Every structure is written in C-alpha cells, then in structure tokens.
Amino acid sequence: MASSSSSTRRPSVTQSSSGRPSLQSPPETSQPANKPADYVYFERTASGFSDEAMPRAKSAQLKLEHYYKVAVESAIERNTRRVELERRLQGEVTMSEERKQRQLQQLGKKESTYLRLRRTKLGLDDFRTVKVIGKGAFGEVRLVQKVDTGKIYAMKTLKKEEMLKKDQLAHVRAERDVLAESDSPWVVQLYYSFQDPSYLYLIMEFLPGGDLMTMLIKYDTFSEDVTRFYIAECVLAIEAVHKLGFIHRDIKPDNILIDKTGHVKLSDFGLSTGFQKKHDSTYYQRLLNPNNATSPTTAAQTQRNSVLVNSINLTMSRQDQIATWKANRRKLAYSTVGTPDYIAPEIFLQKGYGKECDWWSLGAIMFECLVGYPPFCSDSTHETYQKIMQWPHYLVFPDDVHLSRESEDLIRRLITSADRRLTVDQIKNHMFFYGVDWDTIRLIDAPFVPHLRSITDTSYFPTDEIDQADEARATDSKEASKDLAFLGYTFKRFTVS
C-alpha cells in the first residue's frame, strides 16, 4: 500500500486562463513523503483575476474586518459597563436588592436603546441649520438643531474631495478618533459622526462662549491672574489629550473654546496624531494607490503636512507688523495658509517629536496673553518660521510690558529646546501657579462668563463676517473605491444619563 502511494502522481490546483482553479499533476520529484494518495495542492495566485476583482476583494475584506471589529468591541464595552455597575452596586451595603435589580434593568433598557440608535442611519435631514458660525479651507461649522429631540449641536462639515486632494485623510481620522475616545471635561464632546458621498459630518457640543482668540482680540492683553486661570486650564486640557495617547500639535487660541460657564475646552484635532496606522498618511496612500504608494505629488506631505505654510509678503516696521498681524488674525484663522506662530521648531524639522511640542505652543499663548501678540509674529509666515527656528535670538520681552519674574521664567522654560522643556508635573509645580487647586479649578468661577440670551445665542462668534449661504451638496461620489478611506468614520456616543 505504501509503495503504491509513493508511485501515485497527486493532482494540484492551478489557475486556468479564465481565472478559475484547475487541477494539475505535479512532477514526481515534488511529491513529499507521508502524504495520502488523494492529497491536493493549491497554488495561491491572483494572476488570473481581472483588474476589477482585486479591489473589490480588498474592499470586501476591509468591510468585513471592520464589521466584526466593531461588533466585538461593542460587546466588550457593554459587558464592561455591566460589570462596573454590578461592582459598584455590591459596595452599596445600604441599598436594597430590589433597587439594585431596578438599576441593572435600567442599564439593560439603555443598552437596548443604544443598539437601536446604532442601527439608525443619521443624515443631514436629521438636523436643521440655525446659523453658520465658522468657515475654513475644508468645510464649515454650523449651529444646528436635531429635528426629533430639539437639542442644539455644533456641526462640522468636511469636504471629502478636498480631504483626498490635500492628503488630509490621516488628520481627519485622528480628529474623529480623539473626539470619540475622549470623555474628558477638557475636550469638546463628540455625539455623532456620519458621512454621505460628498461630506463628513461631526456633531459636537456647542460651546457658546466663543474662543480665546476672540477674547484676545477684544481685550488685547490679560492680567497675570486671568492668564494664570486660562493657562492652568489649558495645562489640564493638554494633559487630558496626552493621556489618551494623542499629541494635539495645533494648540492655539483659535482652538481653545469657552463653554457656557466660562471654562475652556480643546477643539479642532485635525492635526493631532495618535501614532496609529490610520493616523499616518502613508496608510491611505497604500490603500488608495496600491501600485504607486509613494506618489511624488504626496511625497512632501507624507511627513504629515501640518506645517506646510505659504508666504504672505509684506514690508513694514515692527509695530506695523504687530498691528497688521492683529488686523488679519481672524482671516488667517480661516485660511488654508494658517498661522505657524505657535508651532514648535522640532515639528518644522520633521525629524520626530513628542508631546512636549504642545507645551511650546502653550508658552507662545501665555506670551500673547500677557504681551498682546505671539513671540515670533511677523509680516510673513516665512519670516515667522525663520524666527521660530532661531528662537534664542528672537525671544524678546518688550521693555514697555511689565511681567513678574515667575511668569517670564515659565515662558522661557516652555519656549526652549525640546529636551529642556518642562514636563506637565514640573509645569504644575512652577511658582507661577502657586495657589492653584488643580483638582477643583473647573468648579470655581471663571473670570469671564458669557451672557447668553438663549441656547442658540451666537453673539460670541463673528457670524456677521461669514457668508450664510448654503454650500452646494453633491449627490454622488466620484469614485466608490475612495470611500474605503472613510470606512469606520460613523460614531454614536453611549450616554448613561
């Protein structure tokens, strides 16, 4: 029996010209020992498939992987919430068993409601626009009201076509992920995210107090006590982002929002990074262009193009520079050029950096709060870049502004080389923050509390300067395969309340 097995030619499977697997007998020399007579060999090759088949197969693979990943993660989250509630109830020795069972049943009902919510497809028709409160290069921010509940939100819309064209996919995904993963009081809350063929939508809490940039434009400078309050809250906000495993990389007054009680929250994580593969632009280049992953048009942007800025050429004196910078501050915030005033030098070098780059940005904001303009502001972004790269020569405190020794020391310890920059614990222990209660600062009265006439009051936003016309909404996608880049963007937050 053994001799007949060794002399039998065994069939193998190969691809025919039609792309279908076919049986084929291998040569005598390819027969391995100890295999049954009817052993079948498969040659795994895609050479016979059509050009359309492989992208479709890849699309199906990614969608299936995402579907089961979300299903498993959701089950784990549900189980975790149940276990946490049971553990908490076990510690309630004075609570009756009947009341404990009622709380467990209430959680079960909320979980069921949340599952139904997740199966419900949200769209633009579920929200009514109240007013446009911000516009930028890639989209806009609207104050909206949810049709069925009447609740007020801020809706951020992003154009898919612009995201693809400008290689912003990694940035968009990082922003969605940090907002979805955060439940910190220092970060703007994300409630929903969804998409249609042309746009991405982020439905976030509306913070009616405007931003720190608006306050600086209005008041020019802050006292040291007021500066201490806002910078201390920013320290806790940045620390919260770092604890999530993200680096913001774009800390500036425009992205520090004021809530209805006057306390701050961080927003706009479009340049943040969490060091995951979906936060790297090369991942999307390989996904969308598998045969040409290193396109020359995107080679420079592979380094996460957060700091690619264009020059605005002006010629004027130092005082004129400051006056012009202030006058154009709002326009710069909404432009594609942006402002590099708060960006750390190591980011420009693109040779690697860590979370300490956010502390440089905080030092630049503190300087502006006390002096009235950023430390390296100039008449052109190129000149600002040059000053930042040569910061030891250009970090100058004006003679006509009196700063305490503690405030100047803290600024100098933040606006310094990355290896000498203070850590978060060192910042908290600095003498400038003497007397700050870090655990209760969000509970004290803020120096400025917005006076609101209604839940839709937008008086702290420059809505008069913004075109209120609706943007044209495209109805179909240019290329269905491009939607793979936005797979998994949809999100709905579970709330226990």
Protein backbone atom coordinates (compact mmCIF):
# COMPACT_ATOMS: atom_id res chain seq x y z
CA MET A 1 0.00 0.00 0.00
CA ALA A 2 2.89 2.30 0.87
CA SER A 3 4.65 1.59 -2.42
CA SER A 4 1.55 2.33 -4.49
CA SER A 5 1.08 5.61 -2.60
CA SER A 6 4.61 6.78 -3.32
CA SER A 7 4.28 5.97 -7.02
CA THR A 8 0.94 7.77 -7.49
CA ARG A 9 1.04 11.24 -9.08
CA ARG A 10 -1.01 13.64 -6.93
CA PRO A 11 -3.09 16.43 -8.50
CA SER A 12 -2.52 20.11 -7.71
CA VAL A 13 -4.78 23.11 -8.32
CA THR A 14 -3.70 25.99 -10.58
CA GLN A 15 -5.41 28.99 -12.19
CA SER A 16 -6.75 28.48 -15.68
CA SER A 17 -6.84 31.29 -18.24
CA SER A 18 -10.42 32.03 -17.15
CA GLY A 19 -9.23 32.70 -13.62
CA ARG A 20 -10.81 29.51 -12.18
CA PRO A 21 -8.78 26.99 -10.15
CA SER A 22 -7.79 23.82 -12.06
CA LEU A 23 -6.23 20.51 -11.09
CA GLN A 24 -2.75 19.71 -12.32
CA SER A 25 -0.36 16.84 -11.64
CA PRO A 26 2.99 17.84 -10.20
CA PRO A 27 6.26 16.21 -11.25
CA GLU A 28 7.41 13.07 -9.45
CA THR A 29 10.17 14.97 -7.62
CA SER A 30 7.69 17.34 -5.93
CA GLN A 31 5.89 14.56 -4.01
CA PRO A 32 6.55 14.99 -0.26
CA ALA A 33 6.73 11.92 1.94
CA ASN A 34 3.96 10.73 4.30
CA LYS A 35 1.08 12.30 2.31
CA PRO A 36 -2.11 10.42 1.35
CA ALA A 37 -2.68 9.45 -2.25
CA ASP A 38 -5.56 11.90 -2.72
CA TYR A 39 -3.65 14.90 -1.30
CA VAL A 40 -4.49 18.06 -3.29
CA TYR A 41 -2.10 21.00 -3.78
CA PHE A 42 -3.36 24.58 -4.22
CA GLU A 43 -1.34 27.25 -5.97
CA ARG A 44 -2.49 30.59 -4.50
CA THR A 45 -2.16 33.24 -7.17
CA ALA A 46 -4.23 36.23 -8.30
CA SER A 47 -2.71 36.36 -11.76
CA GLY A 48 -5.84 35.06 -13.44
CA PHE A 49 -8.27 37.51 -11.88
CA SER A 50 -9.49 40.65 -13.61
CA ASP A 51 -8.30 44.15 -12.67
CA GLU A 52 -11.67 44.89 -11.03
CA ALA A 53 -11.74 41.72 -8.91
CA MET A 54 -8.81 42.50 -6.61
CA PRO A 55 -10.01 45.97 -5.47
CA ARG A 56 -13.45 44.50 -4.83
CA ALA A 57 -11.95 41.67 -2.81
CA LYS A 58 -9.86 44.13 -0.80
CA SER A 59 -12.95 46.27 -0.21
CA ALA A 60 -14.93 43.26 0.99
CA GLN A 61 -12.06 42.22 3.28
CA LEU A 62 -11.80 45.67 4.90
CA LYS A 63 -15.55 45.97 5.37
CA LEU A 64 -15.85 42.53 6.94
CA GLU A 65 -12.89 43.16 9.23
CA HIS A 66 -14.40 46.48 10.31
CA TYR A 67 -17.86 44.98 10.86
CA TYR A 68 -16.63 42.23 13.17
CA LYS A 69 -14.13 44.51 14.91
CA VAL A 70 -16.93 46.94 15.81
CA ALA A 71 -19.24 44.08 16.86
CA VAL A 72 -16.63 42.59 19.21
CA GLU A 73 -15.63 45.98 20.65
CA SER A 74 -19.28 46.87 21.28
CA ALA A 75 -19.88 43.58 23.09
CA ILE A 76 -16.80 44.18 25.26
CA GLU A 77 -17.96 47.71 26.09
CA ARG A 78 -21.46 46.50 27.02
CA ASN A 79 -20.02 43.80 29.25
CA THR A 80 -17.62 46.29 30.88
CA ARG A 81 -20.48 48.69 31.69
CA ARG A 82 -22.49 45.84 33.21
CA VAL A 83 -19.57 44.58 35.31
CA GLU A 84 -18.73 48.11 36.53
CA LEU A 85 -22.34 48.71 37.62
CA GLU A 86 -22.53 45.32 39.39
CA ARG A 87 -19.24 46.04 41.19
CA ARG A 88 -20.49 49.47 42.27
CA LEU A 89 -23.81 48.05 43.49
CA GLN A 90 -22.03 45.39 45.54
CA GLY A 91 -20.38 48.19 47.51
CA GLU A 92 -23.76 49.80 48.28
CA VAL A 93 -24.50 47.93 51.51
CA THR A 94 -27.47 50.15 52.42
CA MET A 95 -29.26 49.69 49.08
CA SER A 96 -31.99 47.08 48.86
CA GLU A 97 -31.72 44.16 46.46
CA GLU A 98 -34.90 45.30 44.73
CA ARG A 99 -33.41 48.72 43.99
CA LYS A 100 -30.18 47.13 42.74
CA GLN A 101 -32.15 44.96 40.32
CA ARG A 102 -34.03 48.03 39.07
CA GLN A 103 -30.74 49.79 38.28
CA LEU A 104 -29.48 46.73 36.39
CA GLN A 105 -32.74 46.59 34.43
CA GLN A 106 -32.48 50.31 33.62
CA LEU A 107 -28.96 49.76 32.25
CA GLY A 108 -30.31 46.90 30.13
CA LYS A 109 -33.02 49.16 28.68
CA LYS A 110 -30.46 51.88 27.92
CA GLU A 111 -28.23 49.34 26.20
CA SER A 112 -31.18 48.23 24.05
CA THR A 113 -32.00 51.84 23.19
CA TYR A 114 -28.36 52.44 22.25
CA LEU A 115 -28.30 49.37 19.98
CA ARG A 116 -31.40 50.68 18.18
CA LEU A 117 -29.73 54.10 17.87
CA ARG A 118 -26.64 52.50 16.33
CA ARG A 119 -28.78 50.76 13.73
CA THR A 120 -30.45 54.07 12.84
CA LYS A 121 -28.74 55.83 9.94
CA LEU A 122 -28.23 59.53 10.61
CA GLY A 123 -28.20 62.03 7.77
CA LEU A 124 -28.19 65.72 7.04
CA ASP A 125 -32.00 65.78 7.03
CA ASP A 126 -32.00 64.93 10.74
CA PHE A 127 -30.60 68.39 11.55
CA ARG A 128 -31.87 71.90 10.90
CA THR A 129 -29.33 74.69 10.37
CA VAL A 130 -29.68 77.68 12.69
CA LYS A 131 -26.62 79.64 11.58
CA VAL A 132 -23.12 79.23 10.13
CA ILE A 133 -20.62 80.10 12.87
CA GLY A 134 -17.31 79.30 11.16
CA LYS A 135 -15.79 78.60 7.77
CA GLY A 136 -12.44 77.14 6.79
CA ALA A 137 -10.50 75.74 3.87
CA PHE A 138 -12.06 72.26 4.05
CA GLY A 139 -15.58 72.98 5.27
CA GLU A 140 -17.59 74.90 7.83
CA VAL A 141 -19.12 74.81 11.30
CA ARG A 142 -22.86 75.28 11.74
CA LEU A 143 -25.12 75.69 14.74
CA VAL A 144 -27.79 73.02 14.20
CA GLN A 145 -30.86 71.63 15.93
CA LYS A 146 -31.70 67.92 15.87
CA VAL A 147 -35.16 67.61 14.37
CA ASP A 148 -36.53 64.84 16.61
CA THR A 149 -35.18 66.00 20.00
CA GLY A 150 -34.72 69.75 19.52
CA LYS A 151 -31.22 69.56 21.04
CA ILE A 152 -28.62 72.09 19.90
CA TYR A 153 -25.24 71.00 18.49
CA ALA A 154 -22.29 72.32 16.50
CA MET A 155 -21.97 70.52 13.16
CA LYS A 156 -18.56 70.45 11.49
CA THR A 157 -18.67 69.50 7.81
CA LEU A 158 -15.63 68.46 5.80
CA LYS A 159 -15.45 68.02 2.02
CA LYS A 160 -14.29 64.53 1.09
CA GLU A 161 -12.91 65.68 -2.24
CA GLU A 162 -10.72 68.30 -0.53
CA MET A 163 -9.57 65.76 2.07
CA LEU A 164 -8.45 63.42 -0.72
CA LYS A 165 -6.92 66.15 -2.84
CA LYS A 166 -4.92 67.70 0.02
CA ASP A 167 -3.90 64.35 1.58
CA GLN A 168 -5.73 65.14 4.82
CA LEU A 169 -7.21 61.67 5.42
CA ALA A 170 -4.90 60.81 8.33
CA HIS A 171 -5.68 64.14 10.01
CA VAL A 172 -9.43 63.66 9.63
CA ARG A 173 -9.29 60.16 11.10
CA ALA A 174 -7.13 61.29 14.03
CA GLU A 175 -9.58 64.08 14.85
CA ARG A 176 -12.55 61.73 14.80
CA ASP A 177 -10.74 59.15 16.94
CA VAL A 178 -9.58 61.52 19.68
CA LEU A 179 -13.07 63.02 19.98
CA ALA A 180 -14.72 59.59 20.01
CA GLU A 181 -12.33 58.15 22.61
CA SER A 182 -12.48 61.13 24.96
CA ASP A 183 -14.99 61.63 27.73
CA SER A 184 -12.88 64.33 29.38
CA PRO A 185 -14.49 67.62 30.51
CA TRP A 186 -11.49 69.38 28.92
CA VAL A 187 -12.22 68.12 25.37
CA VAL A 188 -15.18 69.08 23.17
CA GLN A 189 -17.71 66.23 23.29
CA LEU A 190 -18.48 64.37 20.08
CA TYR A 191 -22.01 62.91 19.93
CA TYR A 192 -22.29 61.62 16.37
CA SER A 193 -20.24 61.35 13.22
CA PHE A 194 -21.56 60.24 9.83
CA GLN A 195 -21.00 60.76 6.13
CA ASP A 196 -22.64 60.98 2.74
CA PRO A 197 -21.00 60.59 -0.69
CA SER A 198 -19.54 64.13 -0.57
CA TYR A 199 -19.12 65.21 3.07
CA LEU A 200 -18.05 64.07 6.52
CA TYR A 201 -20.04 65.34 9.50
CA LEU A 202 -19.04 65.73 13.14
CA ILE A 203 -21.89 66.55 15.55
CA MET A 204 -20.37 68.08 18.67
CA GLU A 205 -21.47 70.01 21.73
CA PHE A 206 -21.98 73.72 21.10
CA LEU A 207 -19.78 75.96 23.27
CA PRO A 208 -21.43 79.40 23.18
CA GLY A 209 -18.61 81.44 24.71
CA GLY A 210 -16.53 81.66 21.53
CA ASP A 211 -12.78 81.10 21.66
CA LEU A 212 -9.69 82.53 23.32
CA MET A 213 -8.68 84.27 20.10
CA THR A 214 -11.89 86.34 20.15
CA MET A 215 -11.20 87.32 23.75
CA LEU A 216 -7.63 88.35 22.95
CA ILE A 217 -8.83 90.44 20.00
CA LYS A 218 -11.35 92.15 22.29
CA TYR A 219 -9.19 92.69 25.41
CA ASP A 220 -5.71 92.79 23.80
CA THR A 221 -3.97 91.52 26.96
CA PHE A 222 -4.92 89.76 30.20
CA SER A 223 -3.74 90.37 33.73
CA GLU A 224 -1.47 87.74 35.26
CA ASP A 225 -4.34 86.41 37.41
CA VAL A 226 -6.60 85.94 34.39
CA THR A 227 -3.72 84.46 32.39
CA ARG A 228 -2.97 82.06 35.26
CA PHE A 229 -6.56 80.78 35.17
CA TYR A 230 -6.68 80.14 31.42
CA ILE A 231 -3.16 78.71 31.14
CA ALA A 232 -3.79 76.41 34.14
CA GLU A 233 -6.95 75.08 32.50
CA CYS A 234 -5.07 74.64 29.21
CA VAL A 235 -2.43 72.60 31.08
CA LEU A 236 -5.12 70.20 32.29
CA ALA A 237 -6.74 70.07 28.84
CA ILE A 238 -3.46 69.25 27.07
CA GLU A 239 -2.65 66.68 29.76
CA ALA A 240 -6.03 65.01 29.13
CA VAL A 241 -5.26 64.72 25.40
CA HIS A 242 -1.81 63.27 26.14
CA LYS A 243 -3.32 60.69 28.50
CA LEU A 244 -5.49 59.49 25.62
CA GLY A 245 -2.28 58.77 23.70
CA PHE A 246 -2.58 61.73 21.32
CA ILE A 247 -0.49 64.82 20.58
CA HIS A 248 -2.57 67.85 19.56
CA ARG A 249 0.19 69.66 17.55
CA ASP A 250 -2.05 72.65 16.81
CA ILE A 251 -2.58 74.33 20.19
CA LYS A 252 -3.50 77.96 19.54
CA PRO A 253 -6.09 80.48 20.84
CA ASP A 254 -8.47 79.63 17.97
CA ASN A 255 -8.75 76.03 19.25
CA ILE A 256 -9.36 76.90 22.90
CA LEU A 257 -13.14 77.25 23.24
CA ILE A 258 -15.15 78.76 26.09
CA ASP A 259 -18.20 76.92 27.44
CA LYS A 260 -21.32 78.48 28.95
CA THR A 261 -19.69 78.64 32.40
CA GLY A 262 -16.53 80.35 31.11
CA HIS A 263 -14.23 77.32 31.35
CA VAL A 264 -12.10 76.08 28.46
CA LYS A 265 -12.23 73.02 26.24
CA LEU A 266 -9.86 71.97 23.47
CA SER A 267 -11.18 71.56 19.94
CA ASP A 268 -10.00 71.07 16.35
CA PHE A 269 -7.87 67.94 16.47
CA GLY A 270 -7.38 67.96 12.70
CA LEU A 271 -3.58 67.95 13.05
CA SER A 272 -3.36 65.63 16.05
CA THR A 273 -1.68 62.24 15.89
CA GLY A 274 -2.20 59.10 17.93
CA PHE A 275 0.60 57.06 16.33
CA GLN A 276 -1.88 54.52 14.89
CA LYS A 277 -1.63 53.32 11.30
CA LYS A 278 -4.83 55.15 10.34
CA HIS A 279 -3.27 58.40 11.62
CA ASP A 280 -0.43 58.10 9.09
CA SER A 281 -0.91 59.44 5.56
CA THR A 282 1.14 56.60 4.05
CA TYR A 283 -1.60 54.15 5.12
CA TYR A 284 -4.09 55.93 2.87
CA GLN A 285 -1.61 56.26 0.01
CA ARG A 286 -1.16 52.47 0.03
CA LEU A 287 -4.91 51.92 0.37
CA LEU A 288 -5.94 54.22 -2.49
CA ASN A 289 -2.88 53.74 -4.73
CA PRO A 290 -1.57 50.21 -4.05
CA ASN A 291 0.55 50.26 -7.21
CA ASN A 292 2.03 53.69 -6.52
CA ALA A 293 2.15 54.18 -2.76
CA THR A 294 4.87 56.82 -2.87
CA SER A 295 3.40 59.28 -5.32
CA PRO A 296 5.72 62.24 -5.99
CA THR A 297 2.80 64.63 -5.50
CA THR A 298 2.38 63.45 -1.94
CA ALA A 299 5.99 62.74 -1.01
CA ALA A 300 6.40 66.05 0.80
CA GLN A 301 3.06 65.58 2.53
CA THR A 302 4.00 62.15 3.82
CA GLN A 303 5.58 63.92 6.76
CA ARG A 304 2.05 64.87 7.95
CA ASN A 305 1.67 68.19 6.23
CA SER A 306 0.56 70.15 9.28
CA VAL A 307 3.25 72.77 8.90
CA LEU A 308 3.42 73.38 5.18
CA VAL A 309 2.72 77.10 5.01
CA ASN A 310 2.82 79.65 2.22
CA SER A 311 4.42 83.06 2.35
CA ILE A 312 2.47 86.31 2.70
CA ASN A 313 4.84 89.04 1.59
CA LEU A 314 4.58 92.42 3.31
CA THR A 315 7.13 95.08 4.23
CA MET A 316 6.69 97.19 7.36
CA SER A 317 8.14 98.16 10.74
CA ARG A 318 7.93 96.02 13.89
CA GLN A 319 4.97 97.97 15.30
CA ASP A 320 3.23 97.88 11.92
CA GLN A 321 3.84 94.15 11.77
CA ILE A 322 2.07 93.67 15.09
CA ALA A 323 -0.85 95.91 14.11
CA THR A 324 -1.26 94.15 10.76
CA TRP A 325 -0.97 90.74 12.40
CA LYS A 326 -3.79 91.64 14.78
CA ALA A 327 -5.95 93.03 11.98
CA ASN A 328 -5.52 89.87 9.88
CA ARG A 329 -5.72 87.43 12.78
CA ARG A 330 -9.26 86.30 12.04
CA LYS A 331 -8.63 85.91 8.30
CA LEU A 332 -5.55 83.79 8.98
CA ALA A 333 -7.58 81.51 11.22
CA TYR A 334 -9.99 80.70 8.37
CA SER A 335 -7.41 80.48 5.57
CA THR A 336 -5.61 77.46 4.12
CA VAL A 337 -2.32 79.16 4.97
CA GLY A 338 -2.98 79.24 8.70
CA THR A 339 -0.50 80.69 11.15
CA PRO A 340 2.70 78.99 12.35
CA ASP A 341 3.08 81.36 15.33
CA TYR A 342 2.51 78.62 17.92
CA ILE A 343 4.25 75.66 16.25
CA ALA A 344 7.34 74.19 17.93
CA PRO A 345 10.60 74.18 15.91
CA GLU A 346 11.00 70.40 16.06
CA ILE A 347 7.77 69.97 14.08
CA PHE A 348 9.19 72.08 11.24
CA LEU A 349 12.31 69.88 11.20
CA GLN A 350 10.12 66.76 10.67
CA LYS A 351 12.70 64.57 12.35
CA GLY A 352 10.45 63.24 15.10
CA TYR A 353 8.90 64.91 18.12
CA GLY A 354 6.81 64.06 21.16
CA LYS A 355 4.11 65.58 23.31
CA GLU A 356 6.50 68.29 24.51
CA CYS A 357 5.73 70.18 21.29
CA ASP A 358 2.30 71.09 22.77
CA TRP A 359 3.98 72.77 25.76
CA TRP A 360 5.92 75.09 23.42
CA SER A 361 2.59 76.16 21.93
CA LEU A 362 1.22 76.85 25.40
CA GLY A 363 4.24 79.05 26.16
CA ALA A 364 3.58 81.07 22.99
CA ILE A 365 -0.08 81.52 24.00
CA MET A 366 0.92 82.63 27.50
CA PHE A 367 3.29 85.19 25.99
CA GLU A 368 0.45 86.53 23.82
CA CYS A 369 -1.96 86.73 26.76
CA LEU A 370 0.48 88.91 28.72
CA VAL A 371 2.16 90.90 25.93
CA GLY A 372 -0.57 91.21 23.31
CA TYR A 373 0.97 89.30 20.39
CA PRO A 374 2.83 85.99 19.89
CA PRO A 375 6.61 85.99 20.47
CA PHE A 376 7.57 85.40 16.82
CA CYS A 377 4.79 87.17 14.88
CA SER A 378 5.98 88.75 11.64
CA ASP A 379 4.70 90.22 8.39
CA SER A 380 5.06 86.85 6.60
CA THR A 381 4.74 83.22 7.57
CA HIS A 382 8.21 82.57 6.15
CA GLU A 383 9.73 85.17 8.47
CA THR A 384 7.82 83.71 11.42
CA TYR A 385 9.23 80.31 10.52
CA GLN A 386 12.77 81.72 10.42
CA LYS A 387 12.32 83.34 13.82
CA ILE A 388 10.98 80.15 15.38
CA MET A 389 13.91 78.16 14.03
CA GLN A 390 16.29 80.75 15.53
CA TRP A 391 14.19 81.29 18.66
CA PRO A 392 17.14 82.03 21.07
CA HIS A 393 17.80 85.25 19.09
CA TYR A 394 14.17 86.34 18.74
CA LEU A 395 12.51 85.52 22.07
CA VAL A 396 12.46 89.08 23.40
CA PHE A 397 10.25 90.52 26.15
CA PRO A 398 9.32 94.17 25.37
CA ASP A 399 10.51 96.83 27.80
CA ASP A 400 7.12 98.54 27.96
CA VAL A 401 5.36 95.42 29.33
CA HIS A 402 5.98 94.55 32.97
CA LEU A 403 5.96 90.82 33.71
CA SER A 404 6.59 89.14 37.05
CA ARG A 405 9.73 87.08 37.42
CA GLU A 406 7.61 83.89 37.72
CA SER A 407 5.65 84.48 34.51
CA GLU A 408 8.74 85.26 32.43
CA ASP A 409 10.55 82.22 33.87
CA LEU A 410 7.67 79.89 32.96
CA ILE A 411 7.53 81.22 29.40
CA ARG A 412 11.29 80.75 28.99
CA ARG A 413 11.02 77.18 30.31
CA LEU A 414 8.30 76.37 27.79
CA ILE A 415 9.72 78.21 24.77
CA THR A 416 13.02 76.38 24.79
CA SER A 417 14.63 73.30 23.24
CA ALA A 418 12.54 70.14 23.48
CA ASP A 419 14.97 68.35 25.80
CA ARG A 420 14.88 71.22 28.30
CA ARG A 421 11.14 71.92 28.19
CA LEU A 422 9.18 71.39 31.39
CA THR A 423 7.05 68.28 31.84
CA VAL A 424 3.43 68.53 32.93
CA ASP A 425 4.27 67.84 36.59
CA GLN A 426 7.04 70.44 36.53
CA ILE A 427 4.64 72.95 34.99
CA LYS A 428 2.05 72.33 37.70
CA ASN A 429 4.68 72.82 40.40
CA HIS A 430 6.05 76.05 38.90
CA MET A 431 5.82 79.12 41.14
CA PHE A 432 3.63 80.95 38.59
CA PHE A 433 0.82 78.55 39.54
CA TYR A 434 1.28 78.94 43.29
CA GLY A 435 -2.13 78.65 44.94
CA VAL A 436 -3.85 76.91 42.01
CA ASP A 437 -6.00 73.97 43.12
CA TRP A 438 -5.64 71.66 40.15
CA ASP A 439 -8.38 69.29 41.32
CA THR A 440 -11.13 71.90 41.69
CA ILE A 441 -10.23 74.65 39.19
CA ARG A 442 -13.13 73.70 36.92
CA LEU A 443 -15.54 74.25 39.83
CA ILE A 444 -14.53 77.84 40.61
CA ASP A 445 -15.99 80.94 38.95
CA ALA A 446 -14.29 81.83 35.67
CA PRO A 447 -13.01 85.41 35.09
CA PHE A 448 -15.36 85.72 32.12
CA VAL A 449 -18.79 84.09 31.92
CA PRO A 450 -20.72 84.57 28.65
CA HIS A 451 -24.09 86.32 28.99
CA LEU A 452 -26.45 84.28 26.82
CA ARG A 453 -29.93 85.29 25.73
CA SER A 454 -30.88 81.81 24.52
CA ILE A 455 -29.48 78.33 23.84
CA THR A 456 -28.81 79.38 20.25
CA ASP A 457 -27.05 82.66 21.11
CA THR A 458 -24.09 83.10 18.73
CA SER A 459 -23.12 86.65 19.77
CA TYR A 460 -19.63 85.49 20.77
CA PHE A 461 -18.93 84.26 17.22
CA PRO A 462 -18.18 86.59 14.26
CA THR A 463 -21.23 85.43 12.31
CA ASP A 464 -21.63 88.84 10.62
CA GLU A 465 -18.35 88.23 8.79
CA ILE A 466 -19.43 84.80 7.49
CA ASP A 467 -21.43 84.08 4.36
CA GLN A 468 -24.62 82.31 5.48
CA ALA A 469 -25.39 80.79 2.06
CA ASP A 470 -25.78 77.01 1.90
CA GLU A 471 -22.98 75.12 0.19
CA ALA A 472 -23.95 73.03 -2.83
CA ARG A 473 -24.37 69.38 -1.83
CA ALA A 474 -23.21 66.81 -4.36
CA THR A 475 -25.35 63.70 -4.64
CA ASP A 476 -22.88 61.04 -5.67
CA SER A 477 -19.26 60.09 -5.17
CA LYS A 478 -16.65 60.44 -7.90
CA GLU A 479 -15.20 57.04 -7.16
CA ALA A 480 -16.78 54.44 -4.90
CA SER A 481 -13.40 52.93 -4.05
CA LYS A 482 -12.33 56.21 -2.45
CA ASP A 483 -14.97 55.70 0.25
CA LEU A 484 -12.78 52.94 1.68
CA ALA A 485 -10.62 55.72 3.10
CA PHE A 486 -13.58 56.81 5.26
CA LEU A 487 -14.60 53.33 6.40
CA GLY A 488 -15.45 53.31 10.11
CA TYR A 489 -15.96 57.07 10.36
CA THR A 490 -19.52 56.70 11.73
CA PHE A 491 -19.87 57.08 15.51
CA LYS A 492 -22.68 57.36 18.07
CA ARG A 493 -21.91 58.05 21.74
CA PHE A 494 -23.36 55.92 24.51
CA THR A 495 -24.67 58.06 27.35
CA VAL A 496 -25.79 56.56 30.67
CA SER A 497 -27.85 59.61 31.57
